[in-house]
Amino acid sequence: MGGVLISVKQERASTHWLKRWTLLLCGWTALTLAFAGVILPLLPTTPFVLLAALCFYHSSPDMHLKMLQHPKLGPVLIEWQRHRRVKKEVKVRACLLVLVSLSLSAVVMLFI
């Protein structure tokens, strides 16, 4: 898999410097918001991770490859690229985390 990705990575990268830097900025912003979504309730994580992957796909193939090889993000991104879906287990886990996050927020609000 790595050889194929490396051989075509230069073809994907945008050649215009302004487009490339804009996509890099959007990718890093989306990735930052995705990590913030892990902590903050009601801020979605998955759409920002997918957006970051798309931006890095077109601007920085090396960063896109790093995302694909990440132990937590990689399987979800590969599933999305191959089948355009998120596995049911990931959806259930996300819903449970939102429920826990909302519950903790409610408890904190009661004591403030």
PDB file of N, CA and C in Angstrom:
ATOM      1  N   MET A   1       0.827  -1.191   0.000  1.00  0.00           N
ATOM      2  CA  MET A   1       0.000   0.000   0.000  1.00  0.00           C
ATOM      3  C   MET A   1       0.867   1.250   0.000  1.00  0.00           C
ATOM      4  N   GLY A   2       1.939   1.279   0.787  1.00  0.00           N
ATOM      5  CA  GLY A   2       2.768   2.461   0.891  1.00  0.00           C
ATOM      6  C   GLY A   2       3.425   2.831  -0.426  1.00  0.00           C
ATOM      7  N   GLY A   3       3.868   1.819  -1.197  1.00  0.00           N
ATOM      8  CA  GLY A   3       4.518   2.098  -2.464  1.00  0.00           C
ATOM      9  C   GLY A   3       3.605   2.776  -3.458  1.00  0.00           C
ATOM     10  N   VAL A   4       2.365   2.328  -3.508  1.00  0.00           N
ATOM     11  CA  VAL A   4       1.403   2.926  -4.427  1.00  0.00           C
ATOM     12  C   VAL A   4       1.112   4.358  -4.019  1.00  0.00           C
ATOM     13  N   LEU A   5       0.923   4.590  -2.712  1.00  0.00           N
ATOM     14  CA  LEU A   5       0.634   5.945  -2.248  1.00  0.00           C
ATOM     15  C   LEU A   5       1.808   6.873  -2.509  1.00  0.00           C
ATOM     16  N   ILE A   6       3.014   6.388  -2.303  1.00  0.00           N
ATOM     17  CA  ILE A   6       4.189   7.228  -2.507  1.00  0.00           C
ATOM     18  C   ILE A   6       4.386   7.538  -3.980  1.00  0.00           C
ATOM     19  N   SER A   7       4.089   6.591  -4.869  1.00  0.00           N
ATOM     20  CA  SER A   7       4.329   6.812  -6.286  1.00  0.00           C
ATOM     21  C   SER A   7       3.378   7.830  -6.899  1.00  0.00           C
ATOM     22  N   VAL A   8       2.179   7.970  -6.362  1.00  0.00           N
ATOM     23  CA  VAL A   8       1.224   8.917  -6.935  1.00  0.00           C
ATOM     24  C   VAL A   8       1.101  10.191  -6.121  1.00  0.00           C
ATOM     25  N   LYS A   9       1.837  10.307  -5.033  1.00  0.00           N
ATOM     26  CA  LYS A   9       1.627  11.451  -4.155  1.00  0.00           C
ATOM     27  C   LYS A   9       1.989  12.777  -4.803  1.00  0.00           C
ATOM     28  N   GLN A  10       2.974  12.802  -5.684  1.00  0.00           N
ATOM     29  CA  GLN A  10       3.333  14.055  -6.320  1.00  0.00           C
ATOM     30  C   GLN A  10       2.275  14.501  -7.323  1.00  0.00           C
ATOM     31  N   GLU A  11       1.534  13.576  -7.894  1.00  0.00           N
ATOM     32  CA  GLU A  11       0.476  13.924  -8.839  1.00  0.00           C
ATOM     33  C   GLU A  11      -0.696  14.595  -8.134  1.00  0.00           C
ATOM     34  N   ARG A  12      -0.946  14.250  -6.882  1.00  0.00           N
ATOM     35  CA  ARG A  12      -2.081  14.791  -6.139  1.00  0.00           C
ATOM     36  C   ARG A  12      -1.815  16.186  -5.630  1.00  0.00           C
ATOM     37  N   ALA A  13      -0.595  16.474  -5.279  1.00  0.00           N
ATOM     38  CA  ALA A  13      -0.276  17.748  -4.654  1.00  0.00           C
ATOM     39  C   ALA A  13      -0.533  18.887  -5.636  1.00  0.00           C
ATOM     40  N   SER A  14      -1.162  19.926  -5.117  1.00  0.00           N
ATOM     41  CA  SER A  14      -1.438  21.098  -5.932  1.00  0.00           C
ATOM     42  C   SER A  14      -0.124  21.783  -6.289  1.00  0.00           C
ATOM     43  N   THR A  15      -0.032  22.225  -7.529  1.00  0.00           N
ATOM     44  CA  THR A  15       1.199  22.865  -7.969  1.00  0.00           C
ATOM     45  C   THR A  15       1.178  24.371  -7.730  1.00  0.00           C
ATOM     46  N   HIS A  16       0.022  24.965  -7.643  1.00  0.00           N
ATOM     47  CA  HIS A  16      -0.051  26.400  -7.406  1.00  0.00           C
ATOM     48  C   HIS A  16       0.191  26.670  -5.923  1.00  0.00           C
ATOM     49  N   TRP A  17       1.153  27.530  -5.627  1.00  0.00           N
ATOM     50  CA  TRP A  17       1.574  27.735  -4.238  1.00  0.00           C
ATOM     51  C   TRP A  17       0.461  28.308  -3.366  1.00  0.00           C
ATOM     52  N   LEU A  18      -0.371  29.211  -3.886  1.00  0.00           N
ATOM     53  CA  LEU A  18      -1.432  29.799  -3.072  1.00  0.00           C
ATOM     54  C   LEU A  18      -2.500  28.760  -2.721  1.00  0.00           C
ATOM     55  N   LYS A  19      -2.858  27.946  -3.708  1.00  0.00           N
ATOM     56  CA  LYS A  19      -3.848  26.890  -3.451  1.00  0.00           C
ATOM     57  C   LYS A  19      -3.300  25.892  -2.432  1.00  0.00           C
ATOM     58  N   ARG A  20      -2.028  25.524  -2.598  1.00  0.00           N
ATOM     59  CA  ARG A  20      -1.424  24.553  -1.685  1.00  0.00           C
ATOM     60  C   ARG A  20      -1.395  25.078  -0.260  1.00  0.00           C
ATOM     61  N   TRP A  21      -0.956  26.324  -0.063  1.00  0.00           N
ATOM     62  CA  TRP A  21      -0.872  26.885   1.280  1.00  0.00           C
ATOM     63  C   TRP A  21      -2.255  27.112   1.890  1.00  0.00           C
ATOM     64  N   THR A  22      -3.228  27.475   1.068  1.00  0.00           N
ATOM     65  CA  THR A  22      -4.594  27.631   1.571  1.00  0.00           C
ATOM     66  C   THR A  22      -5.140  26.285   2.045  1.00  0.00           C
ATOM     67  N   LEU A  23      -4.906  25.236   1.259  1.00  0.00           N
ATOM     68  CA  LEU A  23      -5.358  23.901   1.656  1.00  0.00           C
ATOM     69  C   LEU A  23      -4.616  23.404   2.891  1.00  0.00           C
ATOM     70  N   LEU A  24      -3.325  23.710   2.989  1.00  0.00           N
ATOM     71  CA  LEU A  24      -2.575  23.338   4.192  1.00  0.00           C
ATOM     72  C   LEU A  24      -3.156  24.032   5.424  1.00  0.00           C
ATOM     73  N   LEU A  25      -3.432  25.330   5.306  1.00  0.00           N
ATOM     74  CA  LEU A  25      -4.012  26.073   6.420  1.00  0.00           C
ATOM     75  C   LEU A  25      -5.379  25.506   6.805  1.00  0.00           C
ATOM     76  N   CYS A  26      -6.197  25.218   5.808  1.00  0.00           N
ATOM     77  CA  CYS A  26      -7.514  24.626   6.086  1.00  0.00           C
ATOM     78  C   CYS A  26      -7.372  23.245   6.724  1.00  0.00           C
ATOM     79  N   GLY A  27      -6.414  22.470   6.251  1.00  0.00           N
ATOM     80  CA  GLY A  27      -6.199  21.137   6.815  1.00  0.00           C
ATOM     81  C   GLY A  27      -5.786  21.195   8.275  1.00  0.00           C
ATOM     82  N   TRP A  28      -4.832  22.061   8.590  1.00  0.00           N
ATOM     83  CA  TRP A  28      -4.391  22.183   9.980  1.00  0.00           C
ATOM     84  C   TRP A  28      -5.485  22.774  10.867  1.00  0.00           C
ATOM     85  N   THR A  29      -6.262  23.708  10.336  1.00  0.00           N
ATOM     86  CA  THR A  29      -7.377  24.271  11.108  1.00  0.00           C
ATOM     87  C   THR A  29      -8.414  23.194  11.391  1.00  0.00           C
ATOM     88  N   ALA A  30      -8.751  22.411  10.370  1.00  0.00           N
ATOM     89  CA  ALA A  30      -9.727  21.336  10.555  1.00  0.00           C
ATOM     90  C   ALA A  30      -9.221  20.289  11.545  1.00  0.00           C
ATOM     91  N   LEU A  31      -7.939  19.959  11.475  1.00  0.00           N
ATOM     92  CA  LEU A  31      -7.378  18.977  12.403  1.00  0.00           C
ATOM     93  C   LEU A  31      -7.378  19.517  13.835  1.00  0.00           C
ATOM     94  N   THR A  32      -7.083  20.800  13.993  1.00  0.00           N
ATOM     95  CA  THR A  32      -7.135  21.428  15.321  1.00  0.00           C
ATOM     96  C   THR A  32      -8.552  21.398  15.870  1.00  0.00           C
ATOM     97  N   LEU A  33      -9.535  21.734  15.026  1.00  0.00           N
ATOM     98  CA  LEU A  33     -10.936  21.688  15.468  1.00  0.00           C
ATOM     99  C   LEU A  33     -11.372  20.257  15.790  1.00  0.00           C
ATOM    100  N   ALA A  34     -10.846  19.291  15.052  1.00  0.00           N
ATOM    101  CA  ALA A  34     -11.171  17.889  15.333  1.00  0.00           C
ATOM    102  C   ALA A  34     -10.661  17.487  16.708  1.00  0.00           C
ATOM    103  N   PHE A  35      -9.434  17.886  17.036  1.00  0.00           N
ATOM    104  CA  PHE A  35      -8.902  17.555  18.358  1.00  0.00           C
ATOM    105  C   PHE A  35      -9.644  18.315  19.451  1.00  0.00           C
ATOM    106  N   ALA A  36     -10.062  19.537  19.171  1.00  0.00           N
ATOM    107  CA  ALA A  36     -10.871  20.282  20.138  1.00  0.00           C
ATOM    108  C   ALA A  36     -12.223  19.590  20.331  1.00  0.00           C
ATOM    109  N   GLY A  37     -12.734  18.988  19.261  1.00  0.00           N
ATOM    110  CA  GLY A  37     -14.005  18.270  19.346  1.00  0.00           C
ATOM    111  C   GLY A  37     -13.951  17.047  20.234  1.00  0.00           C
ATOM    112  N   VAL A  38     -12.765  16.519  20.443  1.00  0.00           N
ATOM    113  CA  VAL A  38     -12.616  15.383  21.357  1.00  0.00           C
ATOM    114  C   VAL A  38     -12.921  15.840  22.785  1.00  0.00           C
ATOM    115  N   ILE A  39     -12.562  17.063  23.099  1.00  0.00           N
ATOM    116  CA  ILE A  39     -12.714  17.582  24.457  1.00  0.00           C
ATOM    117  C   ILE A  39     -14.038  18.321  24.652  1.00  0.00           C
ATOM    118  N   LEU A  40     -14.412  19.126  23.671  1.00  0.00           N
ATOM    119  CA  LEU A  40     -15.589  19.980  23.809  1.00  0.00           C
ATOM    120  C   LEU A  40     -16.861  19.252  23.394  1.00  0.00           C
ATOM    121  N   PRO A  41     -17.897  19.349  24.200  1.00  0.00           N
ATOM    122  CA  PRO A  41     -19.154  18.707  23.821  1.00  0.00           C
ATOM    123  C   PRO A  41     -19.809  19.434  22.650  1.00  0.00           C
ATOM    124  N   LEU A  42     -20.502  18.691  21.842  1.00  0.00           N
ATOM    125  CA  LEU A  42     -21.273  19.174  20.695  1.00  0.00           C
ATOM    126  C   LEU A  42     -20.428  19.708  19.546  1.00  0.00           C
ATOM    127  N   LEU A  43     -19.112  19.614  19.624  1.00  0.00           N
ATOM    128  CA  LEU A  43     -18.260  19.970  18.488  1.00  0.00           C
ATOM    129  C   LEU A  43     -17.871  18.663  17.803  1.00  0.00           C
ATOM    130  N   PRO A  44     -18.335  18.451  16.582  1.00  0.00           N
ATOM    131  CA  PRO A  44     -18.088  17.156  15.936  1.00  0.00           C
ATOM    132  C   PRO A  44     -16.616  16.974  15.581  1.00  0.00           C
ATOM    133  N   THR A  45     -16.165  15.750  15.691  1.00  0.00           N
ATOM    134  CA  THR A  45     -14.775  15.432  15.390  1.00  0.00           C
ATOM    135  C   THR A  45     -14.627  14.853  13.987  1.00  0.00           C
ATOM    136  N   THR A  46     -15.455  13.897  13.648  1.00  0.00           N
ATOM    137  CA  THR A  46     -15.311  13.156  12.392  1.00  0.00           C
ATOM    138  C   THR A  46     -15.345  14.043  11.148  1.00  0.00           C
ATOM    139  N   PRO A  47     -16.299  14.976  11.023  1.00  0.00           N
ATOM    140  CA  PRO A  47     -16.283  15.805   9.802  1.00  0.00           C
ATOM    141  C   PRO A  47     -14.999  16.624   9.650  1.00  0.00           C
ATOM    142  N   PHE A  48     -14.453  17.084  10.758  1.00  0.00           N
ATOM    143  CA  PHE A  48     -13.221  17.860  10.690  1.00  0.00           C
ATOM    144  C   PHE A  48     -12.028  16.978  10.321  1.00  0.00           C
ATOM    145  N   VAL A  49     -12.020  15.738  10.803  1.00  0.00           N
ATOM    146  CA  VAL A  49     -10.944  14.810  10.430  1.00  0.00           C
ATOM    147  C   VAL A  49     -11.026  14.500   8.934  1.00  0.00           C
ATOM    148  N   LEU A  50     -12.245  14.276   8.435  1.00  0.00           N
ATOM    149  CA  LEU A  50     -12.418  13.994   7.010  1.00  0.00           C
ATOM    150  C   LEU A  50     -12.028  15.201   6.164  1.00  0.00           C
ATOM    151  N   LEU A  51     -12.389  16.403   6.611  1.00  0.00           N
ATOM    152  CA  LEU A  51     -12.013  17.618   5.892  1.00  0.00           C
ATOM    153  C   LEU A  51     -10.491  17.795   5.884  1.00  0.00           C
ATOM    154  N   ALA A  52      -9.861  17.552   7.025  1.00  0.00           N
ATOM    155  CA  ALA A  52      -8.396  17.653   7.094  1.00  0.00           C
ATOM    156  C   ALA A  52      -7.748  16.653   6.145  1.00  0.00           C
ATOM    157  N   ALA A  53      -8.273  15.435   6.110  1.00  0.00           N
ATOM    158  CA  ALA A  53      -7.715  14.416   5.213  1.00  0.00           C
ATOM    159  C   ALA A  53      -7.847  14.856   3.753  1.00  0.00           C
ATOM    160  N   LEU A  54      -8.978  15.436   3.403  1.00  0.00           N
ATOM    161  CA  LEU A  54      -9.186  15.914   2.038  1.00  0.00           C
ATOM    162  C   LEU A  54      -8.214  17.046   1.696  1.00  0.00           C
ATOM    163  N   CYS A  55      -8.077  17.990   2.608  1.00  0.00           N
ATOM    164  CA  CYS A  55      -7.154  19.111   2.372  1.00  0.00           C
ATOM    165  C   CYS A  55      -5.722  18.629   2.247  1.00  0.00           C
ATOM    166  N   PHE A  56      -5.314  17.714   3.120  1.00  0.00           N
ATOM    167  CA  PHE A  56      -3.950  17.192   3.052  1.00  0.00           C
ATOM    168  C   PHE A  56      -3.746  16.310   1.820  1.00  0.00           C
ATOM    169  N   TYR A  57      -4.798  15.655   1.378  1.00  0.00           N
ATOM    170  CA  TYR A  57      -4.707  14.829   0.161  1.00  0.00           C
ATOM    171  C   TYR A  57      -4.267  15.683  -1.022  1.00  0.00           C
ATOM    172  N   HIS A  58      -4.798  16.916  -1.089  1.00  0.00           N
ATOM    173  CA  HIS A  58      -4.496  17.787  -2.224  1.00  0.00           C
ATOM    174  C   HIS A  58      -3.300  18.709  -2.002  1.00  0.00           C
ATOM    175  N   SER A  59      -2.855  18.858  -0.742  1.00  0.00           N
ATOM    176  CA  SER A  59      -1.781  19.817  -0.500  1.00  0.00           C
ATOM    177  C   SER A  59      -0.505  19.187   0.054  1.00  0.00           C
ATOM    178  N   SER A  60      -0.642  18.157   0.870  1.00  0.00           N
ATOM    179  CA  SER A  60       0.523  17.552   1.504  1.00  0.00           C
ATOM    180  C   SER A  60       0.347  16.034   1.577  1.00  0.00           C
ATOM    181  N   PRO A  61       0.733  15.337   0.534  1.00  0.00           N
ATOM    182  CA  PRO A  61       0.590  13.878   0.530  1.00  0.00           C
ATOM    183  C   PRO A  61       1.299  13.204   1.703  1.00  0.00           C
ATOM    184  N   ASP A  62       2.404  13.786   2.171  1.00  0.00           N
ATOM    185  CA  ASP A  62       3.102  13.203   3.322  1.00  0.00           C
ATOM    186  C   ASP A  62       2.232  13.255   4.578  1.00  0.00           C
ATOM    187  N   MET A  63       1.575  14.392   4.810  1.00  0.00           N
ATOM    188  CA  MET A  63       0.699  14.511   5.981  1.00  0.00           C
ATOM    189  C   MET A  63      -0.525  13.608   5.824  1.00  0.00           C
ATOM    190  N   HIS A  64      -1.029  13.498   4.608  1.00  0.00           N
ATOM    191  CA  HIS A  64      -2.164  12.606   4.360  1.00  0.00           C
ATOM    192  C   HIS A  64      -1.777  11.163   4.667  1.00  0.00           C
ATOM    193  N   LEU A  65      -0.578  10.777   4.252  1.00  0.00           N
ATOM    194  CA  LEU A  65      -0.094   9.425   4.533  1.00  0.00           C
ATOM    195  C   LEU A  65       0.067   9.204   6.034  1.00  0.00           C
ATOM    196  N   LYS A  66       0.556  10.223   6.752  1.00  0.00           N
ATOM    197  CA  LYS A  66       0.677  10.105   8.208  1.00  0.00           C
ATOM    198  C   LYS A  66      -0.690   9.913   8.860  1.00  0.00           C
ATOM    199  N   MET A  67      -1.706  10.624   8.356  1.00  0.00           N
ATOM    200  CA  MET A  67      -3.056  10.445   8.901  1.00  0.00           C
ATOM    201  C   MET A  67      -3.564   9.036   8.635  1.00  0.00           C
ATOM    202  N   LEU A  68      -3.287   8.519   7.441  1.00  0.00           N
ATOM    203  CA  LEU A  68      -3.730   7.158   7.110  1.00  0.00           C
ATOM    204  C   LEU A  68      -3.025   6.113   7.956  1.00  0.00           C
ATOM    205  N   GLN A  69      -1.804   6.395   8.385  1.00  0.00           N
ATOM    206  CA  GLN A  69      -1.043   5.438   9.175  1.00  0.00           C
ATOM    207  C   GLN A  69      -1.260   5.599  10.674  1.00  0.00           C
ATOM    208  N   HIS A  70      -2.022   6.619  11.087  1.00  0.00           N
ATOM    209  CA  HIS A  70      -2.281   6.837  12.511  1.00  0.00           C
ATOM    210  C   HIS A  70      -3.115   5.673  13.053  1.00  0.00           C
ATOM    211  N   PRO A  71      -2.795   5.165  14.250  1.00  0.00           N
ATOM    212  CA  PRO A  71      -3.508   3.993  14.776  1.00  0.00           C
ATOM    213  C   PRO A  71      -5.006   4.224  15.010  1.00  0.00           C
ATOM    214  N   LYS A  72      -5.403   5.416  15.372  1.00  0.00           N
ATOM    215  CA  LYS A  72      -6.828   5.684  15.638  1.00  0.00           C
ATOM    216  C   LYS A  72      -7.542   6.264  14.418  1.00  0.00           C
ATOM    217  N   LEU A  73      -6.925   7.229  13.750  1.00  0.00           N
ATOM    218  CA  LEU A  73      -7.568   7.901  12.621  1.00  0.00           C
ATOM    219  C   LEU A  73      -7.502   7.075  11.339  1.00  0.00           C
ATOM    220  N   GLY A  74      -6.412   6.359  11.146  1.00  0.00           N
ATOM    221  CA  GLY A  74      -6.180   5.639   9.906  1.00  0.00           C
ATOM    222  C   GLY A  74      -7.291   4.699   9.482  1.00  0.00           C
ATOM    223  N   PRO A  75      -7.723   3.777  10.352  1.00  0.00           N
ATOM    224  CA  PRO A  75      -8.772   2.843   9.933  1.00  0.00           C
ATOM    225  C   PRO A  75     -10.075   3.536   9.539  1.00  0.00           C
ATOM    226  N   VAL A  76     -10.434   4.602  10.241  1.00  0.00           N
ATOM    227  CA  VAL A  76     -11.669   5.329   9.916  1.00  0.00           C
ATOM    228  C   VAL A  76     -11.526   6.016   8.560  1.00  0.00           C
ATOM    229  N   LEU A  77     -10.372   6.632   8.311  1.00  0.00           N
ATOM    230  CA  LEU A  77     -10.148   7.312   7.034  1.00  0.00           C
ATOM    231  C   LEU A  77     -10.104   6.333   5.865  1.00  0.00           C
ATOM    232  N   ILE A  78      -9.455   5.200   6.076  1.00  0.00           N
ATOM    233  CA  ILE A  78      -9.383   4.201   5.011  1.00  0.00           C
ATOM    234  C   ILE A  78     -10.768   3.656   4.702  1.00  0.00           C
ATOM    235  N   GLU A  79     -11.560   3.403   5.733  1.00  0.00           N
ATOM    236  CA  GLU A  79     -12.940   2.933   5.534  1.00  0.00           C
ATOM    237  C   GLU A  79     -13.740   3.970   4.747  1.00  0.00           C
ATOM    238  N   TRP A  80     -13.553   5.234   5.076  1.00  0.00           N
ATOM    239  CA  TRP A  80     -14.273   6.308   4.375  1.00  0.00           C
ATOM    240  C   TRP A  80     -13.822   6.388   2.905  1.00  0.00           C
ATOM    241  N   GLN A  81     -12.528   6.294   2.656  1.00  0.00           N
ATOM    242  CA  GLN A  81     -12.031   6.390   1.287  1.00  0.00           C
ATOM    243  C   GLN A  81     -12.488   5.214   0.437  1.00  0.00           C
ATOM    244  N   ARG A  82     -12.529   4.047   1.015  1.00  0.00           N
ATOM    245  CA  ARG A  82     -12.894   2.852   0.238  1.00  0.00           C
ATOM    246  C   ARG A  82     -14.391   2.707   0.043  1.00  0.00           C
ATOM    247  N   HIS A  83     -15.174   2.967   1.110  1.00  0.00           N
ATOM    248  CA  HIS A  83     -16.598   2.636   1.063  1.00  0.00           C
ATOM    249  C   HIS A  83     -17.527   3.829   1.300  1.00  0.00           C
ATOM    250  N   ARG A  84     -16.956   5.016   1.576  1.00  0.00           N
ATOM    251  CA  ARG A  84     -17.745   6.221   1.860  1.00  0.00           C
ATOM    252  C   ARG A  84     -18.733   5.999   3.006  1.00  0.00           C
ATOM    253  N   ARG A  85     -18.229   5.378   4.063  1.00  0.00           N
ATOM    254  CA  ARG A  85     -19.049   5.144   5.246  1.00  0.00           C
ATOM    255  C   ARG A  85     -18.171   5.134   6.492  1.00  0.00           C
ATOM    256  N   VAL A  86     -18.830   5.291   7.627  1.00  0.00           N
ATOM    257  CA  VAL A  86     -18.178   5.157   8.926  1.00  0.00           C
ATOM    258  C   VAL A  86     -18.789   3.923   9.569  1.00  0.00           C
ATOM    259  N   LYS A  87     -17.946   3.045  10.084  1.00  0.00           N
ATOM    260  CA  LYS A  87     -18.429   1.787  10.657  1.00  0.00           C
ATOM    261  C   LYS A  87     -19.388   2.042  11.812  1.00  0.00           C
ATOM    262  N   LYS A  88     -20.287   1.086  12.014  1.00  0.00           N
ATOM    263  CA  LYS A  88     -21.290   1.200  13.062  1.00  0.00           C
ATOM    264  C   LYS A  88     -20.638   1.305  14.446  1.00  0.00           C
ATOM    265  N   GLU A  89     -19.554   0.578  14.678  1.00  0.00           N
ATOM    266  CA  GLU A  89     -18.877   0.623  15.977  1.00  0.00           C
ATOM    267  C   GLU A  89     -18.358   2.027  16.274  1.00  0.00           C
ATOM    268  N   VAL A  90     -17.857   2.694  15.250  1.00  0.00           N
ATOM    269  CA  VAL A  90     -17.345   4.052  15.429  1.00  0.00           C
ATOM    270  C   VAL A  90     -18.493   5.004  15.737  1.00  0.00           C
ATOM    271  N   LYS A  91     -19.626   4.826  15.066  1.00  0.00           N
ATOM    272  CA  LYS A  91     -20.796   5.674  15.323  1.00  0.00           C
ATOM    273  C   LYS A  91     -21.315   5.473  16.742  1.00  0.00           C
ATOM    274  N   VAL A  92     -21.379   4.211  17.189  1.00  0.00           N
ATOM    275  CA  VAL A  92     -21.858   3.920  18.545  1.00  0.00           C
ATOM    276  C   VAL A  92     -20.909   4.526  19.577  1.00  0.00           C
ATOM    277  N   ARG A  93     -19.615   4.368  19.354  1.00  0.00           N
ATOM    278  CA  ARG A  93     -18.634   4.937  20.273  1.00  0.00           C
ATOM    279  C   ARG A  93     -18.760   6.463  20.327  1.00  0.00           C
ATOM    280  N   ALA A  94     -18.971   7.082  19.174  1.00  0.00           N
ATOM    281  CA  ALA A  94     -19.120   8.539  19.126  1.00  0.00           C
ATOM    282  C   ALA A  94     -20.370   8.980  19.884  1.00  0.00           C
ATOM    283  N   CYS A  95     -21.458   8.257  19.702  1.00  0.00           N
ATOM    284  CA  CYS A  95     -22.700   8.605  20.411  1.00  0.00           C
ATOM    285  C   CYS A  95     -22.527   8.451  21.922  1.00  0.00           C
ATOM    286  N   LEU A  96     -21.849   7.395  22.339  1.00  0.00           N
ATOM    287  CA  LEU A  96     -21.608   7.201  23.766  1.00  0.00           C
ATOM    288  C   LEU A  96     -20.722   8.310  24.340  1.00  0.00           C
ATOM    289  N   LEU A  97     -19.721   8.714  23.594  1.00  0.00           N
ATOM    290  CA  LEU A  97     -18.855   9.800  24.062  1.00  0.00           C
ATOM    291  C   LEU A  97     -19.612  11.120  24.157  1.00  0.00           C
ATOM    292  N   VAL A  98     -20.510  11.372  23.221  1.00  0.00           N
ATOM    293  CA  VAL A  98     -21.332  12.582  23.300  1.00  0.00           C
ATOM    294  C   VAL A  98     -22.233  12.516  24.530  1.00  0.00           C
ATOM    295  N   LEU A  99     -22.808  11.367  24.794  1.00  0.00           N
ATOM    296  CA  LEU A  99     -23.669  11.199  25.963  1.00  0.00           C
ATOM    297  C   LEU A  99     -22.889  11.409  27.256  1.00  0.00           C
ATOM    298  N   VAL A 100     -21.712  10.825  27.341  1.00  0.00           N
ATOM    299  CA  VAL A 100     -20.863  11.006  28.534  1.00  0.00           C
ATOM    300  C   VAL A 100     -20.463  12.472  28.677  1.00  0.00           C
ATOM    301  N   SER A 101     -20.090  13.082  27.576  1.00  0.00           N
ATOM    302  CA  SER A 101     -19.673  14.482  27.604  1.00  0.00           C
ATOM    303  C   SER A 101     -20.816  15.397  28.056  1.00  0.00           C
ATOM    304  N   LEU A 102     -21.996  15.175  27.532  1.00  0.00           N
ATOM    305  CA  LEU A 102     -23.156  15.978  27.942  1.00  0.00           C
ATOM    306  C   LEU A 102     -23.501  15.743  29.406  1.00  0.00           C
ATOM    307  N   SER A 103     -23.390  14.501  29.845  1.00  0.00           N
ATOM    308  CA  SER A 103     -23.667  14.186  31.248  1.00  0.00           C
ATOM    309  C   SER A 103     -22.684  14.881  32.177  1.00  0.00           C
ATOM    310  N   LEU A 104     -21.409  14.828  31.823  1.00  0.00           N
ATOM    311  CA  LEU A 104     -20.400  15.513  32.637  1.00  0.00           C
ATOM    312  C   LEU A 104     -20.616  17.023  32.634  1.00  0.00           C
ATOM    313  N   SER A 105     -20.989  17.563  31.505  1.00  0.00           N
ATOM    314  CA  SER A 105     -21.270  18.996  31.436  1.00  0.00           C
ATOM    315  C   SER A 105     -22.446  19.367  32.332  1.00  0.00           C
ATOM    316  N   ALA A 106     -23.474  18.536  32.334  1.00  0.00           N
ATOM    317  CA  ALA A 106     -24.635  18.808  33.183  1.00  0.00           C
ATOM    318  C   ALA A 106     -24.263  18.751  34.668  1.00  0.00           C
ATOM    319  N   VAL A 107     -23.447  17.786  35.019  1.00  0.00           N
ATOM    320  CA  VAL A 107     -23.013  17.665  36.419  1.00  0.00           C
ATOM    321  C   VAL A 107     -22.186  18.887  36.828  1.00  0.00           C
ATOM    322  N   VAL A 108     -21.282  19.302  35.957  1.00  0.00           N
ATOM    323  CA  VAL A 108     -20.460  20.461  36.252  1.00  0.00           C
ATOM    324  C   VAL A 108     -21.329  21.709  36.384  1.00  0.00           C
ATOM    325  N   MET A 109     -22.309  21.855  35.525  1.00  0.00           N
ATOM    326  CA  MET A 109     -23.198  23.028  35.587  1.00  0.00           C
ATOM    327  C   MET A 109     -24.037  23.042  36.865  1.00  0.00           C
ATOM    328  N   LEU A 110     -24.378  21.893  37.388  1.00  0.00           N
ATOM    329  CA  LEU A 110     -25.142  21.842  38.642  1.00  0.00           C
ATOM    330  C   LEU A 110     -24.333  22.351  39.822  1.00  0.00           C
ATOM    331  N   PHE A 111     -23.032  22.147  39.780  1.00  0.00           N
ATOM    332  CA  PHE A 111     -22.193  22.527  40.914  1.00  0.00           C
ATOM    333  C   PHE A 111     -21.528  23.890  40.744  1.00  0.00           C
ATOM    334  N   ILE A 112     -21.786  24.549  39.651  1.00  0.00           N
ATOM    335  CA  ILE A 112     -21.195  25.889  39.460  1.00  0.00           C
ATOM    336  C   ILE A 112     -22.205  26.956  39.829  1.00  0.00           C
TER     337      ILE A 112
END
